[in-house]
Amino acid sequence: MRRGLALVVGVLVACAAAAQMPKLDDVLKGAGTLPGMPAAGANVGTGDDKTNAAGIKEALAVGTERAVGSLSQVNGYFGNAAVKILMPSSIQKVADVARMAGFQKQVDEFILSMNRAAEAAAPQAARYFGDAIRDMTLEDVRGILTGGDTAATEFFRRKTHDKLYAAFKPIVSQKVGEVGATRAYKDMMGRYESVPMMGRQSLDLDDYVTNKSLDGLFYMVGEEEKKIRTNPAARSTDLLKTVFGK
């Protein structure tokens, strides 16, 4: 029964992620008419900027679609060692005491539930990434094209971090309760604080999970960006090959 429920949840999460992904056709509309870019037929400009703009937008749409899609799946965070949300260092001592006291299962459930909350929030990123891509200027395009391996990822971080935090946190707050993180956390803290001389510990769990979710998100976007820049096989369209294959 529980296995069947997990499968249903996984399907629903995947569908929600797909529904909110930035569509390439939508994102790329107007790619050649970025703010500050000369209109077609103008005497200034050679057309190279238009090609580069379209290529950058397509690269960002492809990269973010892959990153958000992978993280939105069941085990998108939990099953990926690079982004898995681990026990907060501030309460690691609590976890160690809980394990020694025979509460390994509760510790494991706590870690799993934080990752499940992140996976539930991840689809929200698609909307904000899509907005950032559509609002790019020619200066943004040039900076990304000539920047380092994660110049586009840093662009996204500057443009979307605060908005993503505001969008993620309410979902994280809801999901940590639904999937048991809050209960597991309170149980661990109660067991820990009942031990003489241990004292009270505190952690803003919602803030911690939200920030770790975003850290993992930007990490994955960065990895996808590196692939497009350095791996010809990751350039899945002719436009990407034209812009990044030079």
C-alpha atoms as a PDB file:
ATOM      1  CA  MET A   1       0.000   0.000   0.000  1.00  0.00           C
ATOM      2  CA  ARG A   2       2.740   2.453   0.963  1.00  0.00           C
ATOM      3  CA  ARG A   3       4.707   1.517  -2.150  1.00  0.00           C
ATOM      4  CA  GLY A   4       1.638   2.182  -4.294  1.00  0.00           C
ATOM      5  CA  LEU A   5       1.112   5.545  -2.619  1.00  0.00           C
ATOM      6  CA  ALA A   6       4.738   6.512  -3.250  1.00  0.00           C
ATOM      7  CA  LEU A   7       4.291   5.663  -6.935  1.00  0.00           C
ATOM      8  CA  VAL A   8       1.190   7.834  -7.190  1.00  0.00           C
ATOM      9  CA  VAL A   9       2.969  10.724  -5.470  1.00  0.00           C
ATOM     10  CA  GLY A  10       5.909  10.346  -7.826  1.00  0.00           C
ATOM     11  CA  VAL A  11       3.655  10.497 -10.878  1.00  0.00           C
ATOM     12  CA  LEU A  12       1.858  13.580  -9.567  1.00  0.00           C
ATOM     13  CA  VAL A  13       5.142  15.359  -8.825  1.00  0.00           C
ATOM     14  CA  ALA A  14       6.472  14.550 -12.288  1.00  0.00           C
ATOM     15  CA  CYS A  15       3.288  15.826 -13.928  1.00  0.00           C
ATOM     16  CA  ALA A  16       3.402  19.037 -11.902  1.00  0.00           C
ATOM     17  CA  ALA A  17       7.005  19.584 -12.905  1.00  0.00           C
ATOM     18  CA  ALA A  18       6.271  19.048 -16.583  1.00  0.00           C
ATOM     19  CA  ALA A  19       3.320  21.413 -16.466  1.00  0.00           C
ATOM     20  CA  GLN A  20       5.453  24.247 -15.110  1.00  0.00           C
ATOM     21  CA  MET A  21       8.554  23.791 -17.266  1.00  0.00           C
ATOM     22  CA  PRO A  22       9.535  26.771 -19.429  1.00  0.00           C
ATOM     23  CA  LYS A  23       8.553  25.791 -22.964  1.00  0.00           C
ATOM     24  CA  LEU A  24      11.324  26.363 -25.483  1.00  0.00           C
ATOM     25  CA  ASP A  25       9.005  27.902 -28.066  1.00  0.00           C
ATOM     26  CA  ASP A  26       7.593  30.366 -25.521  1.00  0.00           C
ATOM     27  CA  VAL A  27      10.964  31.311 -24.103  1.00  0.00           C
ATOM     28  CA  LEU A  28      12.567  31.786 -27.495  1.00  0.00           C
ATOM     29  CA  LYS A  29       9.866  34.079 -28.884  1.00  0.00           C
ATOM     30  CA  GLY A  30      11.473  37.459 -29.444  1.00  0.00           C
ATOM     31  CA  ALA A  31      14.965  36.085 -28.902  1.00  0.00           C
ATOM     32  CA  GLY A  32      16.283  38.406 -31.584  1.00  0.00           C
ATOM     33  CA  THR A  33      14.662  41.514 -30.111  1.00  0.00           C
ATOM     34  CA  LEU A  34      16.182  41.728 -26.668  1.00  0.00           C
ATOM     35  CA  PRO A  35      16.016  45.085 -24.861  1.00  0.00           C
ATOM     36  CA  GLY A  36      18.845  47.222 -26.211  1.00  0.00           C
ATOM     37  CA  MET A  37      19.224  45.151 -29.395  1.00  0.00           C
ATOM     38  CA  PRO A  38      18.735  46.870 -32.757  1.00  0.00           C
ATOM     39  CA  ALA A  39      15.664  45.850 -34.729  1.00  0.00           C
ATOM     40  CA  ALA A  40      15.999  43.806 -37.881  1.00  0.00           C
ATOM     41  CA  GLY A  41      17.120  45.959 -40.778  1.00  0.00           C
ATOM     42  CA  ALA A  42      18.737  48.628 -38.618  1.00  0.00           C
ATOM     43  CA  ASN A  43      22.080  49.993 -39.754  1.00  0.00           C
ATOM     44  CA  VAL A  44      23.804  49.103 -36.483  1.00  0.00           C
ATOM     45  CA  GLY A  45      24.559  45.512 -35.557  1.00  0.00           C
ATOM     46  CA  THR A  46      25.637  42.616 -37.719  1.00  0.00           C
ATOM     47  CA  GLY A  47      23.122  39.956 -36.813  1.00  0.00           C
ATOM     48  CA  ASP A  48      25.672  38.030 -34.737  1.00  0.00           C
ATOM     49  CA  ASP A  49      24.156  39.405 -31.559  1.00  0.00           C
ATOM     50  CA  LYS A  50      20.766  38.084 -32.610  1.00  0.00           C
ATOM     51  CA  THR A  51      22.162  34.614 -33.169  1.00  0.00           C
ATOM     52  CA  ASN A  52      24.039  34.697 -29.886  1.00  0.00           C
ATOM     53  CA  ALA A  53      20.950  35.918 -28.037  1.00  0.00           C
ATOM     54  CA  ALA A  54      18.821  33.133 -29.451  1.00  0.00           C
ATOM     55  CA  GLY A  55      21.521  30.573 -28.662  1.00  0.00           C
ATOM     56  CA  ILE A  56      21.969  31.753 -25.086  1.00  0.00           C
ATOM     57  CA  LYS A  57      18.229  31.726 -24.481  1.00  0.00           C
ATOM     58  CA  GLU A  58      17.910  28.260 -25.919  1.00  0.00           C
ATOM     59  CA  ALA A  59      20.832  27.012 -23.831  1.00  0.00           C
ATOM     60  CA  LEU A  60      19.292  28.415 -20.665  1.00  0.00           C
ATOM     61  CA  ALA A  61      15.885  26.980 -21.455  1.00  0.00           C
ATOM     62  CA  VAL A  62      17.359  23.547 -22.171  1.00  0.00           C
ATOM     63  CA  GLY A  63      19.636  23.597 -19.131  1.00  0.00           C
ATOM     64  CA  THR A  64      17.008  24.751 -16.655  1.00  0.00           C
ATOM     65  CA  GLU A  65      14.437  22.344 -18.034  1.00  0.00           C
ATOM     66  CA  ARG A  66      16.814  19.451 -17.456  1.00  0.00           C
ATOM     67  CA  ALA A  67      17.839  20.627 -13.987  1.00  0.00           C
ATOM     68  CA  VAL A  68      14.330  21.312 -12.720  1.00  0.00           C
ATOM     69  CA  GLY A  69      13.028  18.100 -14.239  1.00  0.00           C
ATOM     70  CA  SER A  70      15.665  15.963 -12.568  1.00  0.00           C
ATOM     71  CA  LEU A  71      15.186  17.527  -9.130  1.00  0.00           C
ATOM     72  CA  SER A  72      11.382  17.418  -9.272  1.00  0.00           C
ATOM     73  CA  GLN A  73      11.307  13.643  -9.478  1.00  0.00           C
ATOM     74  CA  VAL A  74      10.996  11.386  -6.462  1.00  0.00           C
ATOM     75  CA  ASN A  75      14.587  11.011  -5.211  1.00  0.00           C
ATOM     76  CA  GLY A  76      15.636  13.995  -7.324  1.00  0.00           C
ATOM     77  CA  TYR A  77      17.384  15.385  -4.254  1.00  0.00           C
ATOM     78  CA  PHE A  78      17.506  12.353  -2.002  1.00  0.00           C
ATOM     79  CA  GLY A  79      19.021  10.080  -4.641  1.00  0.00           C
ATOM     80  CA  ASN A  80      21.623  12.578  -5.858  1.00  0.00           C
ATOM     81  CA  ALA A  81      24.658  12.697  -3.574  1.00  0.00           C
ATOM     82  CA  ALA A  82      25.707  16.083  -4.968  1.00  0.00           C
ATOM     83  CA  VAL A  83      22.517  17.848  -3.805  1.00  0.00           C
ATOM     84  CA  LYS A  84      21.084  15.564  -1.118  1.00  0.00           C
ATOM     85  CA  ILE A  85      20.007  17.576   1.910  1.00  0.00           C
ATOM     86  CA  LEU A  86      21.856  16.229   4.933  1.00  0.00           C
ATOM     87  CA  MET A  87      21.446  16.698   8.641  1.00  0.00           C
ATOM     88  CA  PRO A  88      22.025  20.356   9.606  1.00  0.00           C
ATOM     89  CA  SER A  89      25.430  20.725  11.194  1.00  0.00           C
ATOM     90  CA  SER A  90      23.887  22.721  14.036  1.00  0.00           C
ATOM     91  CA  ILE A  91      21.950  19.666  15.218  1.00  0.00           C
ATOM     92  CA  GLN A  92      24.341  16.934  14.118  1.00  0.00           C
ATOM     93  CA  LYS A  93      25.044  16.251  17.780  1.00  0.00           C
ATOM     94  CA  VAL A  94      21.324  15.701  18.269  1.00  0.00           C
ATOM     95  CA  ALA A  95      21.301  13.126  15.480  1.00  0.00           C
ATOM     96  CA  ASP A  96      24.343  11.351  16.920  1.00  0.00           C
ATOM     97  CA  VAL A  97      22.709  11.100  20.333  1.00  0.00           C
ATOM     98  CA  ALA A  98      19.445   9.934  18.770  1.00  0.00           C
ATOM     99  CA  ARG A  99      21.228   7.206  16.819  1.00  0.00           C
ATOM    100  CA  MET A 100      23.032   5.967  19.925  1.00  0.00           C
ATOM    101  CA  ALA A 101      19.742   5.945  21.772  1.00  0.00           C
ATOM    102  CA  GLY A 102      18.205   3.645  19.184  1.00  0.00           C
ATOM    103  CA  PHE A 103      16.466   6.204  16.993  1.00  0.00           C
ATOM    104  CA  GLN A 104      18.305   5.575  13.735  1.00  0.00           C
ATOM    105  CA  LYS A 105      14.989   5.155  11.913  1.00  0.00           C
ATOM    106  CA  GLN A 106      13.751   8.571  13.050  1.00  0.00           C
ATOM    107  CA  VAL A 107      17.000  10.232  11.948  1.00  0.00           C
ATOM    108  CA  ASP A 108      16.754   8.583   8.528  1.00  0.00           C
ATOM    109  CA  GLU A 109      13.115   9.615   8.171  1.00  0.00           C
ATOM    110  CA  PHE A 110      13.992  13.179   9.078  1.00  0.00           C
ATOM    111  CA  ILE A 111      16.645  13.381   6.372  1.00  0.00           C
ATOM    112  CA  LEU A 112      14.343  11.768   3.800  1.00  0.00           C
ATOM    113  CA  SER A 113      11.489  14.124   4.616  1.00  0.00           C
ATOM    114  CA  MET A 114      13.640  17.234   4.110  1.00  0.00           C
ATOM    115  CA  ASN A 115      14.565  15.978   0.657  1.00  0.00           C
ATOM    116  CA  ARG A 116      10.952  15.180  -0.177  1.00  0.00           C
ATOM    117  CA  ALA A 117      10.016  18.762   0.694  1.00  0.00           C
ATOM    118  CA  ALA A 118      12.721  20.064  -1.655  1.00  0.00           C
ATOM    119  CA  GLU A 119      11.502  17.809  -4.455  1.00  0.00           C
ATOM    120  CA  ALA A 120       7.982  19.129  -4.015  1.00  0.00           C
ATOM    121  CA  ALA A 121       9.162  22.754  -4.248  1.00  0.00           C
ATOM    122  CA  ALA A 122      11.520  22.331  -7.219  1.00  0.00           C
ATOM    123  CA  PRO A 123       8.908  22.675 -10.022  1.00  0.00           C
ATOM    124  CA  GLN A 124       8.299  26.280  -8.941  1.00  0.00           C
ATOM    125  CA  ALA A 125      11.694  27.235 -10.327  1.00  0.00           C
ATOM    126  CA  ALA A 126      10.612  26.777 -13.946  1.00  0.00           C
ATOM    127  CA  ARG A 127       8.381  29.848 -13.930  1.00  0.00           C
ATOM    128  CA  TYR A 128      11.041  32.165 -12.529  1.00  0.00           C
ATOM    129  CA  PHE A 129      13.774  30.841 -14.788  1.00  0.00           C
ATOM    130  CA  GLY A 130      11.495  31.347 -17.770  1.00  0.00           C
ATOM    131  CA  ASP A 131      10.793  34.956 -16.732  1.00  0.00           C
ATOM    132  CA  ALA A 132      14.507  35.649 -16.314  1.00  0.00           C
ATOM    133  CA  ILE A 133      15.257  34.259 -19.774  1.00  0.00           C
ATOM    134  CA  ARG A 134      12.544  36.324 -21.428  1.00  0.00           C
ATOM    135  CA  ASP A 135      13.723  39.512 -19.677  1.00  0.00           C
ATOM    136  CA  MET A 136      17.375  39.174 -20.682  1.00  0.00           C
ATOM    137  CA  THR A 137      19.142  42.167 -22.190  1.00  0.00           C
ATOM    138  CA  LEU A 138      21.861  42.200 -24.807  1.00  0.00           C
ATOM    139  CA  GLU A 139      24.345  43.054 -22.058  1.00  0.00           C
ATOM    140  CA  ASP A 140      23.241  39.940 -20.164  1.00  0.00           C
ATOM    141  CA  VAL A 141      23.746  37.813 -23.267  1.00  0.00           C
ATOM    142  CA  ARG A 142      27.228  39.138 -23.913  1.00  0.00           C
ATOM    143  CA  GLY A 143      28.218  38.640 -20.269  1.00  0.00           C
ATOM    144  CA  ILE A 144      27.021  35.042 -20.295  1.00  0.00           C
ATOM    145  CA  LEU A 145      28.603  34.226 -23.634  1.00  0.00           C
ATOM    146  CA  THR A 146      32.012  35.563 -22.631  1.00  0.00           C
ATOM    147  CA  GLY A 147      31.860  34.589 -18.968  1.00  0.00           C
ATOM    148  CA  GLY A 148      33.055  31.504 -17.164  1.00  0.00           C
ATOM    149  CA  ASP A 149      31.593  28.012 -17.219  1.00  0.00           C
ATOM    150  CA  THR A 150      28.756  29.020 -14.879  1.00  0.00           C
ATOM    151  CA  ALA A 151      28.151  32.623 -15.976  1.00  0.00           C
ATOM    152  CA  ALA A 152      24.538  31.807 -16.869  1.00  0.00           C
ATOM    153  CA  THR A 153      23.971  30.118 -13.525  1.00  0.00           C
ATOM    154  CA  GLU A 154      25.263  33.183 -11.706  1.00  0.00           C
ATOM    155  CA  PHE A 155      22.911  35.292 -13.852  1.00  0.00           C
ATOM    156  CA  PHE A 156      20.011  33.142 -12.658  1.00  0.00           C
ATOM    157  CA  ARG A 157      21.168  33.366  -9.061  1.00  0.00           C
ATOM    158  CA  ARG A 158      21.231  37.173  -9.207  1.00  0.00           C
ATOM    159  CA  LYS A 159      17.891  37.445 -10.963  1.00  0.00           C
ATOM    160  CA  THR A 160      15.852  34.745  -9.269  1.00  0.00           C
ATOM    161  CA  HIS A 161      17.245  33.756  -5.856  1.00  0.00           C
ATOM    162  CA  ASP A 162      15.047  35.977  -3.717  1.00  0.00           C
ATOM    163  CA  LYS A 163      11.930  35.216  -5.757  1.00  0.00           C
ATOM    164  CA  LEU A 164      12.645  31.509  -5.613  1.00  0.00           C
ATOM    165  CA  TYR A 165      13.193  31.640  -1.863  1.00  0.00           C
ATOM    166  CA  ALA A 166       9.804  33.318  -1.423  1.00  0.00           C
ATOM    167  CA  ALA A 167       8.156  30.739  -3.696  1.00  0.00           C
ATOM    168  CA  PHE A 168       9.893  27.693  -2.208  1.00  0.00           C
ATOM    169  CA  LYS A 169       9.527  28.421   1.489  1.00  0.00           C
ATOM    170  CA  PRO A 170       5.722  28.125   1.815  1.00  0.00           C
ATOM    171  CA  ILE A 171       5.807  24.808  -0.037  1.00  0.00           C
ATOM    172  CA  VAL A 172       8.687  23.578   2.099  1.00  0.00           C
ATOM    173  CA  SER A 173       6.846  24.690   5.225  1.00  0.00           C
ATOM    174  CA  GLN A 174       3.768  22.749   4.175  1.00  0.00           C
ATOM    175  CA  LYS A 175       5.561  19.660   2.962  1.00  0.00           C
ATOM    176  CA  VAL A 176       7.893  19.196   5.912  1.00  0.00           C
ATOM    177  CA  GLY A 177       4.793  18.747   8.034  1.00  0.00           C
ATOM    178  CA  GLU A 178       2.996  16.527   5.548  1.00  0.00           C
ATOM    179  CA  VAL A 179       5.888  14.145   5.017  1.00  0.00           C
ATOM    180  CA  GLY A 180       6.919  14.062   8.651  1.00  0.00           C
ATOM    181  CA  ALA A 181      10.010  16.250   8.901  1.00  0.00           C
ATOM    182  CA  THR A 182       8.546  18.462  11.602  1.00  0.00           C
ATOM    183  CA  ARG A 183       7.369  15.514  13.660  1.00  0.00           C
ATOM    184  CA  ALA A 184      10.693  13.746  13.252  1.00  0.00           C
ATOM    185  CA  TYR A 185      12.575  16.919  14.155  1.00  0.00           C
ATOM    186  CA  LYS A 186      10.498  17.553  17.269  1.00  0.00           C
ATOM    187  CA  ASP A 187      10.845  13.933  18.305  1.00  0.00           C
ATOM    188  CA  MET A 188      14.621  14.052  17.952  1.00  0.00           C
ATOM    189  CA  MET A 189      14.857  17.349  19.781  1.00  0.00           C
ATOM    190  CA  GLY A 190      12.673  16.034  22.588  1.00  0.00           C
ATOM    191  CA  ARG A 191      14.805  12.928  23.001  1.00  0.00           C
ATOM    192  CA  TYR A 192      17.990  14.974  22.932  1.00  0.00           C
ATOM    193  CA  GLU A 193      16.832  17.591  25.410  1.00  0.00           C
ATOM    194  CA  SER A 194      15.679  14.897  27.823  1.00  0.00           C
ATOM    195  CA  VAL A 195      19.303  13.829  28.271  1.00  0.00           C
ATOM    196  CA  PRO A 196      20.821  15.620  31.294  1.00  0.00           C
ATOM    197  CA  MET A 197      23.251  18.455  30.525  1.00  0.00           C
ATOM    198  CA  MET A 198      22.440  18.514  26.811  1.00  0.00           C
ATOM    199  CA  GLY A 199      20.414  21.718  26.908  1.00  0.00           C
ATOM    200  CA  ARG A 200      18.095  23.154  24.241  1.00  0.00           C
ATOM    201  CA  GLN A 201      18.889  23.454  20.557  1.00  0.00           C
ATOM    202  CA  SER A 202      17.054  25.454  17.899  1.00  0.00           C
ATOM    203  CA  LEU A 203      16.854  25.463  14.108  1.00  0.00           C
ATOM    204  CA  ASP A 204      14.637  27.237  11.597  1.00  0.00           C
ATOM    205  CA  LEU A 205      13.909  24.065   9.678  1.00  0.00           C
ATOM    206  CA  ASP A 206      11.940  25.756   6.874  1.00  0.00           C
ATOM    207  CA  ASP A 207      14.741  28.234   6.223  1.00  0.00           C
ATOM    208  CA  TYR A 208      17.378  25.495   6.240  1.00  0.00           C
ATOM    209  CA  VAL A 209      15.533  23.241   3.793  1.00  0.00           C
ATOM    210  CA  THR A 210      14.643  26.155   1.515  1.00  0.00           C
ATOM    211  CA  ASN A 211      18.226  27.361   1.277  1.00  0.00           C
ATOM    212  CA  LYS A 212      19.563  23.855   0.726  1.00  0.00           C
ATOM    213  CA  SER A 213      16.929  23.306  -1.966  1.00  0.00           C
ATOM    214  CA  LEU A 214      18.122  26.407  -3.787  1.00  0.00           C
ATOM    215  CA  ASP A 215      21.765  25.455  -3.381  1.00  0.00           C
ATOM    216  CA  GLY A 216      21.017  22.133  -5.046  1.00  0.00           C
ATOM    217  CA  LEU A 217      18.961  23.770  -7.775  1.00  0.00           C
ATOM    218  CA  PHE A 218      21.678  26.224  -8.783  1.00  0.00           C
ATOM    219  CA  TYR A 219      24.278  23.471  -8.584  1.00  0.00           C
ATOM    220  CA  MET A 220      22.332  21.381 -11.080  1.00  0.00           C
ATOM    221  CA  VAL A 221      21.749  24.345 -13.381  1.00  0.00           C
ATOM    222  CA  GLY A 222      25.497  24.976 -13.277  1.00  0.00           C
ATOM    223  CA  GLU A 223      26.240  21.376 -14.179  1.00  0.00           C
ATOM    224  CA  GLU A 224      23.899  21.551 -17.157  1.00  0.00           C
ATOM    225  CA  GLU A 225      25.500  24.816 -18.268  1.00  0.00           C
ATOM    226  CA  LYS A 226      28.970  23.268 -18.126  1.00  0.00           C
ATOM    227  CA  LYS A 227      27.799  20.357 -20.263  1.00  0.00           C
ATOM    228  CA  ILE A 228      26.457  22.660 -22.970  1.00  0.00           C
ATOM    229  CA  ARG A 229      29.624  24.749 -22.959  1.00  0.00           C
ATOM    230  CA  THR A 230      32.112  21.891 -22.957  1.00  0.00           C
ATOM    231  CA  ASN A 231      30.392  18.746 -24.250  1.00  0.00           C
ATOM    232  CA  PRO A 232      29.346  18.731 -27.926  1.00  0.00           C
ATOM    233  CA  ALA A 233      26.917  15.877 -27.227  1.00  0.00           C
ATOM    234  CA  ALA A 234      24.932  18.135 -24.886  1.00  0.00           C
ATOM    235  CA  ARG A 235      24.299  20.688 -27.656  1.00  0.00           C
ATOM    236  CA  SER A 236      21.019  19.200 -28.728  1.00  0.00           C
ATOM    237  CA  THR A 237      20.037  21.733 -31.404  1.00  0.00           C
ATOM    238  CA  ASP A 238      21.702  23.319 -34.420  1.00  0.00           C
ATOM    239  CA  LEU A 239      21.500  26.735 -32.755  1.00  0.00           C
ATOM    240  CA  LEU A 240      23.389  25.514 -29.694  1.00  0.00           C
ATOM    241  CA  LYS A 241      26.013  23.970 -31.944  1.00  0.00           C
ATOM    242  CA  THR A 242      26.376  27.277 -33.832  1.00  0.00           C
ATOM    243  CA  VAL A 243      26.796  29.427 -30.729  1.00  0.00           C
ATOM    244  CA  PHE A 244      28.779  27.102 -28.472  1.00  0.00           C
ATOM    245  CA  GLY A 245      30.607  25.067 -31.069  1.00  0.00           C
ATOM    246  CA  LYS A 246      32.962  27.874 -32.062  1.00  0.00           C
END
